[in-house]
Protein backbone atom coordinates (compact mmCIF):
# COMPACT_ATOMS: atom_id res chain seq x y z
CA MET A 1 -13.19 -44.90 35.44
CA ILE A 2 -10.77 -44.24 32.59
CA LEU A 3 -13.09 -46.00 30.15
CA PHE A 4 -15.84 -43.68 31.32
CA MET A 5 -13.53 -40.69 30.87
CA GLY A 6 -12.49 -41.96 27.45
CA HIS A 7 -16.13 -41.94 26.33
CA LEU A 8 -16.61 -38.49 27.81
CA LEU A 9 -13.48 -37.11 26.16
CA GLU A 10 -14.00 -38.66 22.74
CA ASN A 11 -17.72 -38.17 22.24
CA LEU A 12 -19.22 -35.49 24.44
CA LEU A 13 -16.59 -33.00 25.50
CA PRO A 14 -13.61 -33.13 23.16
CA ASP A 15 -11.86 -30.18 24.89
CA LEU A 16 -12.11 -31.71 28.35
CA HIS A 17 -9.01 -32.51 30.39
CA VAL A 18 -9.08 -34.88 33.36
CA MET A 19 -6.83 -34.51 36.39
CA ILE A 20 -6.29 -37.48 38.69
CA VAL A 21 -4.75 -36.41 41.98
CA GLY A 22 -3.14 -38.91 44.34
CA ASP A 23 -1.38 -42.16 43.83
CA GLY A 24 -1.89 -45.84 44.37
CA PRO A 25 -1.28 -49.31 43.03
CA ARG A 26 -3.78 -48.82 40.16
CA ARG A 27 -1.96 -45.84 38.64
CA PRO A 28 0.16 -47.84 36.12
CA PHE A 29 -2.98 -49.68 35.01
CA LEU A 30 -4.89 -46.41 34.56
CA GLU A 31 -1.99 -44.80 32.69
CA ASP A 32 -1.83 -47.82 30.36
CA ILE A 33 -5.55 -47.71 29.63
CA SER A 34 -5.46 -43.97 28.92
CA ARG A 35 -2.60 -44.58 26.44
CA ARG A 36 -4.44 -47.46 24.75
CA LEU A 37 -7.59 -45.35 24.43
CA GLY A 38 -5.57 -42.53 22.87
CA ILE A 39 -6.55 -40.01 25.54
CA SER A 40 -3.33 -39.84 27.55
CA GLU A 41 -2.63 -36.28 26.41
CA ARG A 42 -5.84 -35.18 28.15
CA VAL A 43 -5.60 -37.33 31.30
CA HIS A 44 -3.15 -35.79 33.73
CA PHE A 45 -1.85 -37.90 36.62
CA ILE A 46 -0.72 -35.38 39.22
CA GLY A 47 0.29 -37.78 41.99
CA PRO A 48 0.27 -36.85 45.68
CA VAL A 49 0.08 -33.17 46.58
CA GLU A 50 0.76 -31.38 49.84
CA ASP A 51 -1.79 -28.64 49.23
CA ILE A 52 -5.00 -29.81 47.54
CA ARG A 53 -6.06 -26.18 46.98
CA VAL A 54 -3.71 -25.88 44.00
CA PRO A 55 -5.27 -28.62 41.82
CA LEU A 56 -8.76 -27.72 43.08
CA ALA A 57 -8.32 -24.20 41.74
CA LEU A 58 -7.93 -25.66 38.23
CA LEU A 59 -11.13 -27.74 38.26
CA ASP A 60 -14.57 -26.95 36.91
CA VAL A 61 -16.16 -30.08 38.44
CA PHE A 62 -14.89 -32.33 41.23
CA ILE A 63 -15.74 -36.03 40.89
CA PHE A 64 -15.74 -38.17 44.04
CA PRO A 65 -16.18 -41.70 42.64
CA SER A 66 -15.63 -43.60 45.88
CA ARG A 67 -16.86 -47.16 45.51
CA TRP A 68 -16.58 -48.05 49.19
CA PRO A 69 -18.25 -46.41 52.17
CA GLU A 70 -16.03 -43.87 53.84
CA ALA A 71 -16.51 -42.57 57.34
CA PHE A 72 -15.77 -39.06 56.11
CA GLY A 73 -14.84 -37.71 52.68
CA LEU A 74 -12.23 -35.08 53.50
CA THR A 75 -11.31 -34.36 49.87
CA LEU A 76 -15.01 -33.99 49.08
CA VAL A 77 -15.39 -31.35 51.80
CA GLU A 78 -12.20 -29.61 50.63
CA ALA A 79 -13.60 -29.40 47.09
CA MET A 80 -16.88 -28.03 48.44
CA ALA A 81 -15.01 -25.47 50.56
CA ALA A 82 -13.22 -24.37 47.37
CA GLY A 83 -16.62 -23.69 45.78
CA LYS A 84 -16.49 -26.53 43.28
CA ALA A 85 -19.51 -28.30 41.87
CA VAL A 86 -19.27 -31.92 42.99
CA VAL A 87 -20.53 -35.22 41.66
CA ALA A 88 -20.29 -38.05 44.17
CA MET A 89 -21.39 -41.63 44.62
CA LYS A 90 -24.27 -41.95 47.09
CA ILE A 91 -22.46 -44.19 49.56
CA GLY A 92 -21.25 -44.06 53.16
CA ALA A 93 -21.27 -40.60 54.75
CA VAL A 94 -21.47 -38.80 51.39
CA PRO A 95 -25.26 -38.21 51.50
CA GLU A 96 -24.80 -36.54 54.90
CA ILE A 97 -22.39 -34.08 53.28
CA VAL A 98 -23.91 -33.56 49.83
CA GLU A 99 -27.58 -32.74 49.26
CA HIS A 100 -28.61 -33.89 45.79
CA GLU A 101 -29.04 -30.95 43.40
CA VAL A 102 -28.67 -28.47 46.28
CA ASN A 103 -24.90 -28.45 46.76
CA GLY A 104 -23.85 -31.28 44.46
CA ILE A 105 -25.13 -34.24 42.49
CA LEU A 106 -25.36 -37.72 43.97
CA VAL A 107 -25.33 -40.82 41.78
CA PRO A 108 -25.80 -44.49 42.68
CA PRO A 109 -22.62 -46.44 43.47
CA GLU A 110 -21.07 -48.24 40.49
CA ASP A 111 -23.45 -46.47 38.06
CA LEU A 112 -21.05 -45.00 35.51
CA SER A 113 -23.90 -44.01 33.20
CA SER A 114 -25.40 -41.77 35.90
CA LEU A 115 -21.94 -40.41 36.71
CA LEU A 116 -21.39 -39.58 33.03
CA LYS A 117 -24.76 -37.80 32.79
CA ALA A 118 -24.15 -35.79 35.95
CA VAL A 119 -20.65 -34.65 34.95
CA THR A 120 -21.79 -33.78 31.44
CA ARG A 121 -24.76 -31.87 32.81
CA LEU A 122 -22.55 -29.72 35.05
CA LEU A 123 -19.96 -29.09 32.35
CA GLN A 124 -22.66 -28.02 29.91
CA ASP A 125 -24.76 -26.03 32.40
CA ARG A 126 -22.27 -23.56 33.85
CA GLU A 127 -24.98 -21.69 35.79
CA MET A 128 -26.01 -24.84 37.62
CA ALA A 129 -22.37 -25.75 38.30
CA PHE A 130 -21.75 -22.27 39.71
CA ARG A 131 -24.88 -22.39 41.90
CA LEU A 132 -24.04 -25.85 43.25
CA GLY A 133 -20.45 -24.74 43.89
CA GLN A 134 -21.60 -21.68 45.81
CA ASN A 135 -24.05 -23.77 47.85
CA ALA A 136 -21.34 -26.38 48.47
CA GLN A 137 -18.99 -23.71 49.77
CA ALA A 138 -21.67 -22.37 52.12
CA ARG A 139 -22.42 -25.90 53.35
CA ALA A 140 -18.74 -26.62 54.02
CA ARG A 141 -18.38 -23.37 55.95
CA GLU A 142 -21.56 -24.01 57.94
CA MET A 143 -20.98 -27.66 58.78
CA PHE A 144 -17.22 -27.97 58.98
CA ASN A 145 -15.86 -24.77 60.46
CA LEU A 146 -13.49 -25.01 63.42
CA ASP A 147 -15.77 -23.18 65.85
CA ARG A 148 -18.69 -25.53 65.24
CA MET A 149 -16.51 -28.63 65.39
CA ALA A 150 -14.93 -27.47 68.67
CA LYS A 151 -18.41 -26.91 70.15
CA GLU A 152 -19.53 -30.39 69.05
CA ILE A 153 -16.43 -32.00 70.56
CA GLU A 154 -17.00 -30.04 73.77
CA ALA A 155 -20.62 -31.26 73.86
CA VAL A 156 -19.45 -34.87 73.55
CA TYR A 157 -16.99 -34.39 76.45
CA ARG A 158 -19.71 -32.77 78.59
CA GLU A 159 -22.07 -35.66 77.89
CA VAL A 160 -19.42 -38.25 78.73
CA LEU A 161 -18.44 -36.45 81.94
CA ASN A 162 -22.06 -36.11 83.09
CA HIS A 163 -22.71 -39.85 82.86
């Protein structure tokens, strides 16, 4: 991912800054690569945060590069709820959350070239990024609001109790 970002930073968007939120065993490796590529001053490792809304407010585009199927992408939904344009790998439950070019852009898993094109497209086409972000926010509110989720849980309980 850092190699991809290095290409993006050096060649296409020289003013771009990248924020990596969270932590894990790969962080030292990623920090080392960003130093060796000479982009460490534009790659910001934030670490774990209690309130994701703070870093989300700083973003123009949210990238969800999950390589493994996830049952539910909570950070993806949080970014959508914040009105951010999203680029995500088409894997696991992600295509049930993101509609390609309606409320985000989906790219094939492990396809860094497609990821690069999608991110560049959104950073260069601010109108599209804004439209996708607005649609993403509406989708998050529609699909993941507490009232709807409570009704769906209640429906499951009713079904179980009736059988």
